[in-house]
Amino acid sequence: MPLRIRTGPLWSIAIGLALIAGIWTAIGVQDARDDQNDRRIAEMSATNLATVFEAHVSDTFTAIDRVILYSREEYAADGRINERFRDHVFSRVFPGSLVQISVLDRDGRLAYSSRPEAGVGRQDFSSAEYFVHQRDAGDDHLYISKPVQDPIAGKWVVQCVRKLQGDGEFAGVVVFSMDAMSFLNMHSSLDVGKEGAITLLGMDGVIRARLSYGGTRSQFFGLALPGSRPFFDPSQAASGIYVTLSAVDGVRRIGAWRRLPHVPMVVLVLLSEAEAFAPHRDREIAIHWLGAALTLVILGGAGAIAFLLTRNAESAEALEKQAITDPLTGLANRRHFYSRLAEEFDRARRYGRPLAVIMVDLDLFKGINDTYGHAAGDAVLRTVSERCGHVIRKQDLLGRIGGEEFCVFLPETTEDHAVTVAEALRQVVDGERVPVDQGKSVAVTASFGVATLVPEDRTFESLLSRADAALYVAKGKGRNRVQAASGLQGSKEAADALRLAGPNLHVVQDQASS
């Protein structure tokens, strides 16, 4: 069976909406894929940067610890640090990064400083956080302090501290004061975006240094991040990815962290989600505009097609109605009426159901045309058609089958009921006065012939012939009356009427009207 495509206006709208839904579904799927790709690329970039950053910082702390250990040995042996070695450390090992080398005795007083103006012997650092930590620590390890501002150098520094041992007892500390930003300087050329950041922080949650667009932000030094961050949990892996709303500046970022293996520090690379997805957002906006344009085009096209289909359907309906309708009265025309009657006749015979027809002819209609003109005659025909249409049922059909001739078929109707309907029609017509020219009106009457289906009827023409004969008799009896065909059986009137009706069922031989 060939595929039949519906082409109604509603279907054109439905197809248009389906196309629009398909377009936006495809856009949504592509957006999701782009989001996943952009996120994957951003996570990979952050992870690679964090790996490089962690390796650099870890190597830097390892170098600092080695130099501190060597300095501690020298100080323990000679009570001082060799100047040539000290100058080498400042100029070659940590150029621009090391701010001061100092030693505190067991009471926290400054016992040695690479700065002549430091006031050796006069300054007391016994309450300093790094001194208290190392004094109370049970083991010997490198400690990295929280950032503090050096008043002389005007920089934020972190103290890298090892304790001194004398006869197995705490004898003080060796302190390397490092420029906090020195741990990040080699990464200053890396592009982490305007809202990205590279951060060094301790496992205590305190930021040691932070590099962001435009350089450091001094207000970030010493700030603490929430302990809920995954990298502060020792049970978590040593590296990973997370998405967070920054507690520092409120920007939503993708973060990659790595914990340093030998010191309790974490390196963190943060990339702004908005910046990471910016290329996708530009594409997304362009695609959404394209989708919106296609939506408008499809809606417009579907609307135009629906309009045209509606107009075509209306035109087709109008043509179909014109083909089956009498143009003057709006009733079924002769062709359509006979077609419907033939269908109803076959159904009634097949199932043994009653069927009645009423033939109607306006009395003395030729006189109306001759006296008042055809316009008046047309007005009479229209008025009679309208009034009769109000009497019959919906399942009945009234048709104009000749000049002033009408016919009604009534399914499921006996002769008695049909006669009652015919009488109602007669009264409607008889009580009507139709206005004509110059304020005049004309009285109208009609004659009616009724016949019902009998076993002898083999065609609907036979049924109509008997109704036509009854109408002829009604005319002969003085017009404006109803005559049933059953009342004429065996009479000479019936025989004459049937002979006069003959094969021309749609023409009544009304000699009086002519």
Protein backbone atom coordinates (compact mmCIF):
# COMPACT_ATOMS: atom_id res chain seq x y z
CA MET A 1 0.00 0.00 0.00
CA PRO A 2 1.51 3.38 -0.96
CA LEU A 3 2.34 5.78 1.84
CA ARG A 4 -0.21 8.56 2.18
CA ILE A 5 1.09 11.82 3.59
CA ARG A 6 -1.37 14.05 5.38
CA THR A 7 -1.34 17.57 4.03
CA GLY A 8 -3.88 19.34 6.25
CA PRO A 9 -3.01 22.72 7.81
CA LEU A 10 -2.70 21.22 11.30
CA TRP A 11 -0.28 18.63 9.98
CA SER A 12 1.87 21.33 8.40
CA ILE A 13 2.03 23.11 11.76
CA ALA A 14 2.77 19.81 13.53
CA ILE A 15 5.57 19.00 11.08
CA GLY A 16 6.97 22.52 11.52
CA LEU A 17 6.92 22.16 15.32
CA ALA A 18 8.55 18.73 15.02
CA LEU A 19 11.33 20.23 12.88
CA ILE A 20 11.80 23.04 15.40
CA ALA A 21 11.92 20.53 18.26
CA GLY A 22 14.49 18.51 16.32
CA ILE A 23 16.63 21.59 15.67
CA TRP A 24 16.65 22.66 19.33
CA THR A 25 17.23 19.10 20.51
CA ALA A 26 20.26 18.90 18.23
CA ILE A 27 21.46 22.28 19.51
CA GLY A 28 21.00 21.11 23.10
CA VAL A 29 22.92 17.89 22.46
CA GLN A 30 25.72 19.83 20.74
CA ASP A 31 25.84 22.33 23.63
CA ALA A 32 26.18 19.46 26.10
CA ARG A 33 28.97 17.91 24.04
CA ASP A 34 30.76 21.24 23.75
CA ASP A 35 30.44 21.73 27.51
CA GLN A 36 31.96 18.31 28.12
CA ASN A 37 34.79 18.94 25.64
CA ASP A 38 35.55 22.40 27.04
CA ARG A 39 35.49 21.06 30.58
CA ARG A 40 37.78 18.17 29.64
CA ILE A 41 40.22 20.56 27.96
CA ALA A 42 40.12 22.95 30.94
CA GLU A 43 40.71 20.09 33.41
CA MET A 44 43.61 18.81 31.31
CA SER A 45 45.16 22.28 31.12
CA ALA A 46 44.77 22.84 34.87
CA THR A 47 46.22 19.39 35.61
CA ASN A 48 49.26 19.97 33.37
CA LEU A 49 49.91 23.37 34.93
CA ALA A 50 49.54 21.95 38.43
CA THR A 51 52.00 19.15 37.60
CA VAL A 52 54.63 21.59 36.35
CA PHE A 53 53.99 23.98 39.24
CA GLU A 54 54.24 21.18 41.84
CA ALA A 55 57.53 19.93 40.38
CA HIS A 56 59.03 23.44 40.50
CA VAL A 57 57.88 24.22 44.03
CA SER A 58 58.94 20.80 45.30
CA ASP A 59 62.42 21.25 43.79
CA THR A 60 62.63 24.74 45.27
CA PHE A 61 61.82 23.53 48.79
CA THR A 62 64.26 20.66 48.41
CA ALA A 63 67.02 23.13 47.43
CA ILE A 64 66.11 25.46 50.32
CA ASP A 65 66.25 22.58 52.81
CA ARG A 66 69.63 21.43 51.56
CA VAL A 67 71.10 24.93 51.88
CA ILE A 68 69.58 25.35 55.36
CA LEU A 69 71.06 22.02 56.46
CA TYR A 70 74.48 23.07 55.19
CA SER A 71 74.16 26.48 56.84
CA ARG A 72 73.17 24.81 60.11
CA GLU A 73 76.30 22.63 60.02
CA GLU A 74 78.52 25.65 59.41
CA TYR A 75 76.91 27.65 62.20
CA ALA A 76 77.11 24.74 64.61
CA ALA A 77 80.83 24.35 63.85
CA ASP A 78 81.97 28.01 63.78
CA GLY A 79 79.11 30.03 65.29
CA ARG A 80 78.73 31.83 62.03
CA ILE A 81 77.97 31.28 58.32
CA ASN A 82 80.78 31.66 55.82
CA GLU A 83 80.41 34.94 53.95
CA ARG A 84 81.48 33.54 50.60
CA PHE A 85 78.98 30.76 50.94
CA ARG A 86 76.30 33.22 52.07
CA ASP A 87 76.97 35.50 49.08
CA HIS A 88 76.88 32.52 46.74
CA VAL A 89 73.47 31.52 48.09
CA PHE A 90 72.07 35.02 47.65
CA SER A 91 73.50 35.63 44.17
CA ARG A 92 73.57 32.21 42.58
CA VAL A 93 71.31 29.74 44.36
CA PHE A 94 68.31 31.97 45.15
CA PRO A 95 68.90 35.19 43.23
CA GLY A 96 66.21 37.71 44.07
CA SER A 97 64.26 35.17 46.16
CA LEU A 98 66.16 34.97 49.45
CA VAL A 99 65.48 38.03 51.61
CA GLN A 100 67.40 37.14 54.79
CA ILE A 101 69.31 34.37 56.53
CA SER A 102 69.03 34.51 60.30
CA VAL A 103 69.66 32.40 63.38
CA LEU A 104 67.75 32.58 66.66
CA ASP A 105 69.14 31.17 69.90
CA ARG A 106 67.24 28.90 72.23
CA ASP A 107 65.51 31.90 73.82
CA GLY A 108 64.39 33.35 70.47
CA ARG A 109 66.84 36.24 70.39
CA LEU A 110 68.47 37.16 67.06
CA ALA A 111 71.94 35.60 67.15
CA TYR A 112 72.89 36.04 63.49
CA SER A 113 71.52 37.90 60.43
CA SER A 114 72.70 38.44 56.88
CA ARG A 115 71.53 42.02 57.35
CA PRO A 116 73.96 44.31 59.20
CA GLU A 117 71.09 46.56 60.32
CA ALA A 118 69.06 43.71 61.78
CA GLY A 119 70.12 44.39 65.40
CA VAL A 120 71.76 41.13 66.42
CA GLY A 121 71.28 40.43 70.11
CA ARG A 122 68.60 43.06 70.53
CA GLN A 123 65.55 41.54 68.76
CA ASP A 124 63.40 38.93 70.47
CA PHE A 125 61.41 36.48 68.26
CA SER A 126 60.51 34.04 71.00
CA SER A 127 56.80 34.50 70.32
CA ALA A 128 57.11 34.08 66.55
CA GLU A 129 54.91 31.29 65.22
CA TYR A 130 57.75 29.47 63.43
CA PHE A 131 60.04 29.62 66.52
CA VAL A 132 57.34 28.27 68.85
CA HIS A 133 56.52 25.49 66.39
CA GLN A 134 60.12 24.26 66.05
CA ARG A 135 60.85 24.65 69.77
CA ASP A 136 57.94 22.40 70.64
CA ALA A 137 58.34 19.96 67.73
CA GLY A 138 59.50 16.47 68.63
CA ASP A 139 61.29 15.81 65.35
CA ASP A 140 63.68 17.62 63.04
CA HIS A 141 61.93 18.79 59.86
CA LEU A 142 61.68 21.75 57.53
CA TYR A 143 58.88 24.09 58.60
CA ILE A 144 57.32 26.67 56.29
CA SER A 145 55.62 29.53 58.09
CA LYS A 146 52.55 31.54 57.26
CA PRO A 147 53.33 34.66 55.19
CA VAL A 148 54.33 37.82 57.05
CA GLN A 149 55.33 41.23 55.75
CA ASP A 150 58.99 42.09 56.10
CA PRO A 151 59.10 45.77 57.17
CA ILE A 152 62.60 46.36 55.83
CA ALA A 153 62.33 44.59 52.46
CA GLY A 154 58.69 45.61 52.03
CA LYS A 155 57.78 42.12 50.84
CA TRP A 156 55.62 39.28 51.94
CA VAL A 157 57.91 36.49 53.07
CA VAL A 158 57.62 32.93 54.33
CA GLN A 159 60.19 31.57 56.77
CA CYS A 160 61.72 28.21 55.97
CA VAL A 161 62.98 26.98 59.33
CA ARG A 162 65.13 24.15 60.73
CA LYS A 163 65.97 23.75 64.43
CA LEU A 164 69.51 23.84 65.85
CA GLN A 165 70.67 21.00 68.07
CA GLY A 166 73.21 21.40 70.87
CA ASP A 167 74.12 18.34 72.93
CA GLY A 168 70.84 16.79 71.83
CA GLU A 169 68.79 19.74 73.08
CA PHE A 170 67.00 22.53 71.31
CA ALA A 171 69.48 25.32 70.66
CA GLY A 172 67.55 27.65 68.37
CA VAL A 173 66.57 27.81 64.71
CA VAL A 174 68.05 28.63 61.31
CA VAL A 175 65.68 30.81 59.27
CA PHE A 176 65.63 31.45 55.54
CA SER A 177 63.18 34.29 54.79
CA MET A 178 61.99 33.71 51.22
CA ASP A 179 60.07 36.15 49.04
CA ALA A 180 56.62 34.47 48.92
CA MET A 181 56.19 35.27 45.27
CA SER A 182 59.48 33.66 44.32
CA PHE A 183 57.72 30.30 44.30
CA LEU A 184 55.42 31.59 41.55
CA ASN A 185 57.70 33.86 39.54
CA MET A 186 58.63 31.25 36.96
CA HIS A 187 54.91 30.84 36.23
CA SER A 188 54.12 34.54 35.81
CA SER A 189 54.12 34.19 32.02
CA LEU A 190 51.59 31.37 32.02
CA ASP A 191 48.13 32.30 30.79
CA VAL A 192 45.55 31.29 33.35
CA GLY A 193 43.07 33.90 32.14
CA LYS A 194 41.88 37.11 33.73
CA GLU A 195 40.05 35.19 36.45
CA GLY A 196 42.45 32.25 36.79
CA ALA A 197 44.95 31.84 39.62
CA ILE A 198 47.95 29.81 40.74
CA THR A 199 48.10 29.36 44.50
CA LEU A 200 50.53 27.91 47.01
CA LEU A 201 49.00 27.07 50.37
CA GLY A 202 49.74 24.98 53.40
CA MET A 203 47.79 22.02 54.66
CA ASP A 204 46.70 24.38 57.43
CA GLY A 205 44.58 26.09 54.74
CA VAL A 206 46.53 29.38 54.74
CA ILE A 207 47.57 30.89 51.40
CA ARG A 208 51.36 31.39 51.15
CA ALA A 209 51.32 33.00 47.68
CA ARG A 210 48.85 33.62 44.92
CA LEU A 211 49.40 34.66 41.30
CA SER A 212 46.50 35.96 39.24
CA TYR A 213 45.91 38.20 36.23
CA GLY A 214 47.81 41.45 36.61
CA GLY A 215 50.15 40.10 39.28
CA THR A 216 49.64 39.26 42.93
CA ARG A 217 46.86 40.46 45.14
CA SER A 218 48.35 41.35 48.50
CA GLN A 219 45.00 40.93 50.23
CA PHE A 220 45.17 37.19 49.55
CA PHE A 221 48.33 36.62 51.66
CA GLY A 222 47.48 34.84 54.87
CA LEU A 223 43.85 34.15 53.96
CA ALA A 224 42.55 30.68 54.83
CA LEU A 225 40.47 28.48 52.55
CA PRO A 226 37.60 26.37 53.95
CA GLY A 227 38.70 23.04 55.34
CA SER A 228 36.06 21.29 53.23
CA ARG A 229 38.27 21.49 50.15
CA PRO A 230 39.17 17.94 49.02
CA PHE A 231 42.93 18.52 49.00
CA PHE A 232 42.92 19.14 52.77
CA ASP A 233 41.56 15.64 53.40
CA PRO A 234 44.50 13.23 53.93
CA SER A 235 42.30 10.33 52.83
CA GLN A 236 41.90 11.88 49.38
CA ALA A 237 44.35 11.25 46.56
CA ALA A 238 47.45 13.42 46.33
CA SER A 239 46.10 15.08 43.20
CA GLY A 240 42.74 15.70 41.64
CA ILE A 241 40.15 17.98 40.02
CA TYR A 242 37.26 19.84 41.59
CA VAL A 243 34.88 22.67 40.77
CA THR A 244 34.35 25.37 43.33
CA LEU A 245 32.92 28.79 43.98
CA SER A 246 36.02 30.56 45.24
CA ALA A 247 35.94 31.71 48.86
CA VAL A 248 38.56 34.31 47.94
CA ASP A 249 36.81 36.28 45.18
CA GLY A 250 33.51 34.48 44.48
CA VAL A 251 34.45 33.26 40.96
CA ARG A 252 33.39 29.75 39.90
CA ARG A 253 36.50 27.85 38.86
CA ILE A 254 37.81 24.46 37.80
CA GLY A 255 40.70 23.57 40.12
CA ALA A 256 43.54 21.06 39.84
CA TRP A 257 45.53 20.34 43.01
CA ARG A 258 48.70 18.45 43.87
CA ARG A 259 50.08 17.89 47.35
CA LEU A 260 53.84 18.19 47.73
CA PRO A 261 55.46 14.88 48.78
CA HIS A 262 57.91 16.13 51.47
CA VAL A 263 56.36 19.28 52.92
CA PRO A 264 52.76 19.92 54.06
CA MET A 265 51.96 22.17 51.13
CA VAL A 266 49.50 22.13 48.24
CA VAL A 267 49.78 23.72 44.83
CA LEU A 268 46.50 24.73 43.22
CA VAL A 269 45.78 25.86 39.65
CA LEU A 270 42.38 27.48 39.12
CA LEU A 271 40.80 28.27 35.75
CA SER A 272 37.61 30.30 35.48
CA GLU A 273 34.69 28.29 34.09
CA ALA A 274 33.39 31.36 32.27
CA GLU A 275 36.73 31.90 30.52
CA ALA A 276 37.25 28.20 29.81
CA PHE A 277 33.84 27.99 28.17
CA ALA A 278 34.04 31.40 26.47
CA PRO A 279 34.90 30.01 22.98
CA HIS A 280 32.01 27.58 23.30
CA ARG A 281 29.73 30.38 24.49
CA ASP A 282 30.54 32.39 21.35
CA ARG A 283 29.74 29.36 19.20
CA GLU A 284 26.66 28.67 21.29
CA ILE A 285 25.35 32.20 20.84
CA ALA A 286 25.93 32.01 17.08
CA ILE A 287 24.22 28.61 16.87
CA HIS A 288 21.33 29.80 19.03
CA TRP A 289 20.83 32.82 16.78
CA LEU A 290 20.89 30.46 13.79
CA GLY A 291 18.40 28.19 15.57
CA ALA A 292 16.16 31.17 16.32
CA ALA A 293 16.33 32.27 12.68
CA LEU A 294 15.50 28.76 11.46
CA THR A 295 12.66 28.61 13.98
CA LEU A 296 11.18 31.81 12.61
CA VAL A 297 11.63 30.61 9.02
CA ILE A 298 10.01 27.24 9.78
CA LEU A 299 7.16 28.83 11.72
CA GLY A 300 6.61 31.32 8.94
CA GLY A 301 6.78 28.61 6.30
CA ALA A 302 4.49 26.28 8.25
CA GLY A 303 2.07 29.12 8.85
CA ALA A 304 2.11 30.07 5.17
CA ILE A 305 1.61 26.45 4.11
CA ALA A 306 -1.20 26.04 6.65
CA PHE A 307 -2.81 29.22 5.34
CA LEU A 308 -2.55 28.04 1.74
CA LEU A 309 -3.83 24.59 2.61
CA THR A 310 -6.71 26.15 4.51
CA ARG A 311 -7.51 28.39 1.58
CA ASN A 312 -7.25 25.45 -0.79
CA ALA A 313 -9.45 23.33 1.48
CA GLU A 314 -11.96 26.16 1.68
CA SER A 315 -11.85 26.56 -2.08
CA ALA A 316 -12.21 22.83 -2.58
CA GLU A 317 -15.07 22.76 -0.09
CA ALA A 318 -16.68 25.70 -1.83
CA LEU A 319 -16.31 24.00 -5.22
CA GLU A 320 -17.67 20.77 -3.83
CA LYS A 321 -20.57 22.61 -2.25
CA GLN A 322 -21.16 24.46 -5.50
CA ALA A 323 -21.21 21.16 -7.36
CA ILE A 324 -23.92 19.70 -5.13
CA THR A 325 -25.91 22.83 -4.27
CA ASP A 326 -28.57 24.71 -6.13
CA PRO A 327 -27.13 28.25 -6.48
CA LEU A 328 -30.48 30.03 -6.05
CA THR A 329 -31.92 28.26 -3.00
CA GLY A 330 -28.86 26.67 -1.38
CA LEU A 331 -30.64 23.29 -1.37
CA ALA A 332 -29.25 20.06 -2.79
CA ASN A 333 -29.33 20.22 -6.56
CA ARG A 334 -30.97 17.56 -8.69
CA ARG A 335 -27.80 15.52 -9.34
CA HIS A 336 -26.78 15.42 -5.67
CA PHE A 337 -30.31 14.75 -4.48
CA TYR A 338 -30.76 11.76 -6.82
CA SER A 339 -27.32 10.41 -5.84
CA ARG A 340 -28.18 10.54 -2.14
CA LEU A 341 -31.64 9.13 -2.74
CA ALA A 342 -30.17 6.20 -4.66
CA GLU A 343 -27.87 5.40 -1.72
CA GLU A 344 -30.69 5.65 0.80
CA PHE A 345 -33.00 3.59 -1.46
CA ASP A 346 -30.44 0.76 -1.66
CA ARG A 347 -29.90 0.80 2.11
CA ALA A 348 -33.63 0.71 2.85
CA ARG A 349 -34.23 -2.21 0.44
CA ARG A 350 -31.21 -4.15 1.76
CA TYR A 351 -32.24 -3.90 5.40
CA GLY A 352 -36.01 -3.75 4.94
CA ARG A 353 -36.32 -0.26 6.40
CA PRO A 354 -39.03 2.31 5.60
CA LEU A 355 -38.30 5.19 3.25
CA ALA A 356 -40.62 8.00 2.12
CA VAL A 357 -40.38 10.76 -0.46
CA ILE A 358 -42.42 13.96 -0.79
CA MET A 359 -42.72 15.65 -4.15
CA VAL A 360 -43.46 19.41 -3.88
CA ASP A 361 -44.56 21.80 -6.60
CA LEU A 362 -45.45 25.47 -6.14
CA ASP A 363 -48.92 26.29 -7.38
CA LEU A 364 -49.39 28.74 -10.27
CA PHE A 365 -45.72 29.71 -10.16
CA LYS A 366 -45.68 30.72 -13.85
CA GLY A 367 -48.20 33.43 -13.07
CA ILE A 368 -45.85 34.92 -10.45
CA ASN A 369 -43.03 35.11 -12.98
CA ASP A 370 -45.27 36.58 -15.66
CA THR A 371 -46.86 39.15 -13.36
CA TYR A 372 -44.00 40.25 -11.15
CA GLY A 373 -40.92 39.13 -13.05
CA HIS A 374 -38.33 36.45 -12.52
CA ALA A 375 -36.70 38.35 -9.62
CA ALA A 376 -39.94 38.00 -7.67
CA GLY A 377 -40.10 34.32 -8.67
CA ASP A 378 -36.56 33.80 -7.39
CA ALA A 379 -37.48 35.49 -4.10
CA VAL A 380 -40.44 33.11 -3.74
CA LEU A 381 -38.23 30.08 -4.39
CA ARG A 382 -35.64 31.23 -1.82
CA THR A 383 -38.29 31.96 0.82
CA VAL A 384 -40.09 28.67 0.36
CA SER A 385 -36.78 26.77 0.49
CA GLU A 386 -35.79 28.48 3.73
CA ARG A 387 -39.16 27.87 5.42
CA CYS A 388 -39.30 24.22 4.40
CA GLY A 389 -35.74 23.68 5.56
CA HIS A 390 -36.82 24.53 9.12
CA VAL A 391 -39.49 21.79 9.14
CA ILE A 392 -37.56 18.69 8.07
CA ARG A 393 -35.13 16.71 10.24
CA LYS A 394 -31.35 16.70 9.93
CA GLN A 395 -31.34 13.22 8.45
CA ASP A 396 -33.87 14.22 5.78
CA LEU A 397 -32.76 15.86 2.54
CA LEU A 398 -34.59 18.62 0.67
CA GLY A 399 -33.58 19.25 -2.92
CA ARG A 400 -34.61 21.42 -5.84
CA ILE A 401 -35.11 19.12 -8.82
CA GLY A 402 -36.77 21.49 -11.30
CA GLY A 403 -37.86 25.11 -11.78
CA GLU A 404 -40.45 25.25 -9.00
CA GLU A 405 -40.23 21.56 -8.08
CA PHE A 406 -38.75 20.24 -4.86
CA CYS A 407 -38.41 16.82 -3.36
CA VAL A 408 -37.73 15.51 0.16
CA PHE A 409 -36.63 12.03 1.11
CA LEU A 410 -37.17 10.89 4.70
CA PRO A 411 -35.24 7.81 5.92
CA GLU A 412 -36.84 5.54 8.50
CA THR A 413 -40.25 7.16 7.84
CA THR A 414 -43.65 5.56 7.28
CA GLU A 415 -46.32 6.98 5.02
CA ASP A 416 -48.42 8.30 7.91
CA HIS A 417 -45.45 10.20 9.30
CA ALA A 418 -44.48 11.42 5.83
CA VAL A 419 -48.00 12.75 5.27
CA THR A 420 -47.75 14.60 8.61
CA VAL A 421 -44.46 16.17 7.52
CA ALA A 422 -45.95 17.08 4.13
CA GLU A 423 -48.89 18.75 5.84
CA ALA A 424 -46.50 20.74 8.04
CA LEU A 425 -44.65 21.84 4.92
CA ARG A 426 -47.92 22.80 3.22
CA GLN A 427 -48.95 24.95 6.17
CA VAL A 428 -45.57 26.71 6.26
CA VAL A 429 -45.81 27.54 2.57
CA ASP A 430 -49.50 28.46 2.71
CA GLY A 431 -48.92 30.97 5.50
CA GLU A 432 -46.16 32.78 3.67
CA ARG A 433 -46.47 36.05 1.80
CA VAL A 434 -43.39 37.02 -0.14
CA PRO A 435 -42.64 40.73 -0.72
CA VAL A 436 -42.27 41.76 -4.37
CA ASP A 437 -41.69 45.12 -6.08
CA GLN A 438 -43.25 48.40 -4.89
CA GLY A 439 -44.35 47.17 -1.48
CA LYS A 440 -46.52 44.40 -2.86
CA SER A 441 -46.50 40.78 -1.66
CA VAL A 442 -47.67 37.53 -3.15
CA ALA A 443 -49.35 34.58 -1.44
CA VAL A 444 -47.78 31.19 -2.16
CA THR A 445 -49.17 27.69 -1.96
CA ALA A 446 -47.84 24.27 -2.95
CA SER A 447 -49.11 20.79 -3.70
CA PHE A 448 -47.53 17.64 -2.20
CA GLY A 449 -47.36 14.01 -3.31
CA VAL A 450 -46.19 11.37 -0.80
CA ALA A 451 -44.99 7.83 -1.54
CA THR A 452 -43.22 5.18 0.54
CA LEU A 453 -41.03 2.26 -0.44
CA VAL A 454 -42.90 -0.94 -1.37
CA PRO A 455 -41.50 -4.37 -2.34
CA GLU A 456 -42.39 -3.76 -5.97
CA ASP A 457 -40.02 -0.77 -6.17
CA ARG A 458 -36.87 -2.00 -7.91
CA THR A 459 -35.40 1.46 -8.49
CA PHE A 460 -35.74 4.80 -6.76
CA GLU A 461 -37.28 6.11 -10.01
CA SER A 462 -40.28 3.84 -9.35
CA LEU A 463 -40.70 5.38 -5.90
CA LEU A 464 -40.43 8.90 -7.33
CA SER A 465 -42.91 8.04 -10.10
CA ARG A 466 -45.58 7.14 -7.56
CA ALA A 467 -44.89 10.32 -5.53
CA ASP A 468 -45.06 12.33 -8.77
CA ALA A 469 -48.38 10.71 -9.63
CA ALA A 470 -49.74 11.59 -6.20
CA LEU A 471 -48.60 15.18 -6.71
CA TYR A 472 -50.42 15.28 -10.06
CA VAL A 473 -53.59 14.12 -8.36
CA ALA A 474 -53.17 16.79 -5.65
CA LYS A 475 -52.91 19.40 -8.38
CA GLY A 476 -56.01 18.05 -10.06
CA LYS A 477 -57.99 18.20 -6.83
CA GLY A 478 -57.52 21.94 -6.53
CA ARG A 479 -53.89 22.38 -5.41
CA ASN A 480 -52.59 23.38 -1.93
CA ARG A 481 -53.08 19.88 -0.60
CA VAL A 482 -51.24 16.66 0.32
CA GLN A 483 -51.93 13.42 -1.53
CA ALA A 484 -50.56 10.01 -0.52
CA ALA A 485 -49.81 7.49 -3.27
CA SER A 486 -51.38 4.66 -1.24
CA GLY A 487 -54.79 6.33 -1.58
CA LEU A 488 -54.65 6.05 -5.37
CA GLN A 489 -54.16 2.32 -5.76
CA GLY A 490 -56.41 0.89 -8.50
CA SER A 491 -58.05 4.24 -9.26
CA LYS A 492 -58.38 5.76 -12.70
CA GLU A 493 -56.71 8.93 -11.31
CA ALA A 494 -53.62 6.97 -10.41
CA ALA A 495 -53.42 5.34 -13.82
CA ASP A 496 -53.80 8.67 -15.59
CA ALA A 497 -51.26 10.31 -13.31
CA LEU A 498 -48.68 7.59 -13.80
CA ARG A 499 -49.25 7.76 -17.58
CA LEU A 500 -48.81 11.54 -17.62
CA ALA A 501 -45.74 11.47 -15.34
CA GLY A 502 -44.06 8.88 -17.57
CA PRO A 503 -40.27 8.84 -17.58
CA ASN A 504 -39.88 12.62 -16.90
CA LEU A 505 -40.02 12.35 -13.16
CA HIS A 506 -38.73 15.85 -12.49
CA VAL A 507 -41.45 17.59 -14.58
CA VAL A 508 -45.02 17.82 -13.32
CA GLN A 509 -47.63 18.30 -16.06
CA ASP A 510 -49.51 21.11 -14.37
CA GLN A 511 -51.68 22.38 -17.19
CA ALA A 512 -53.29 24.91 -14.92
CA SER A 513 -49.95 26.52 -14.08
CA SER A 514 -49.08 26.87 -17.71
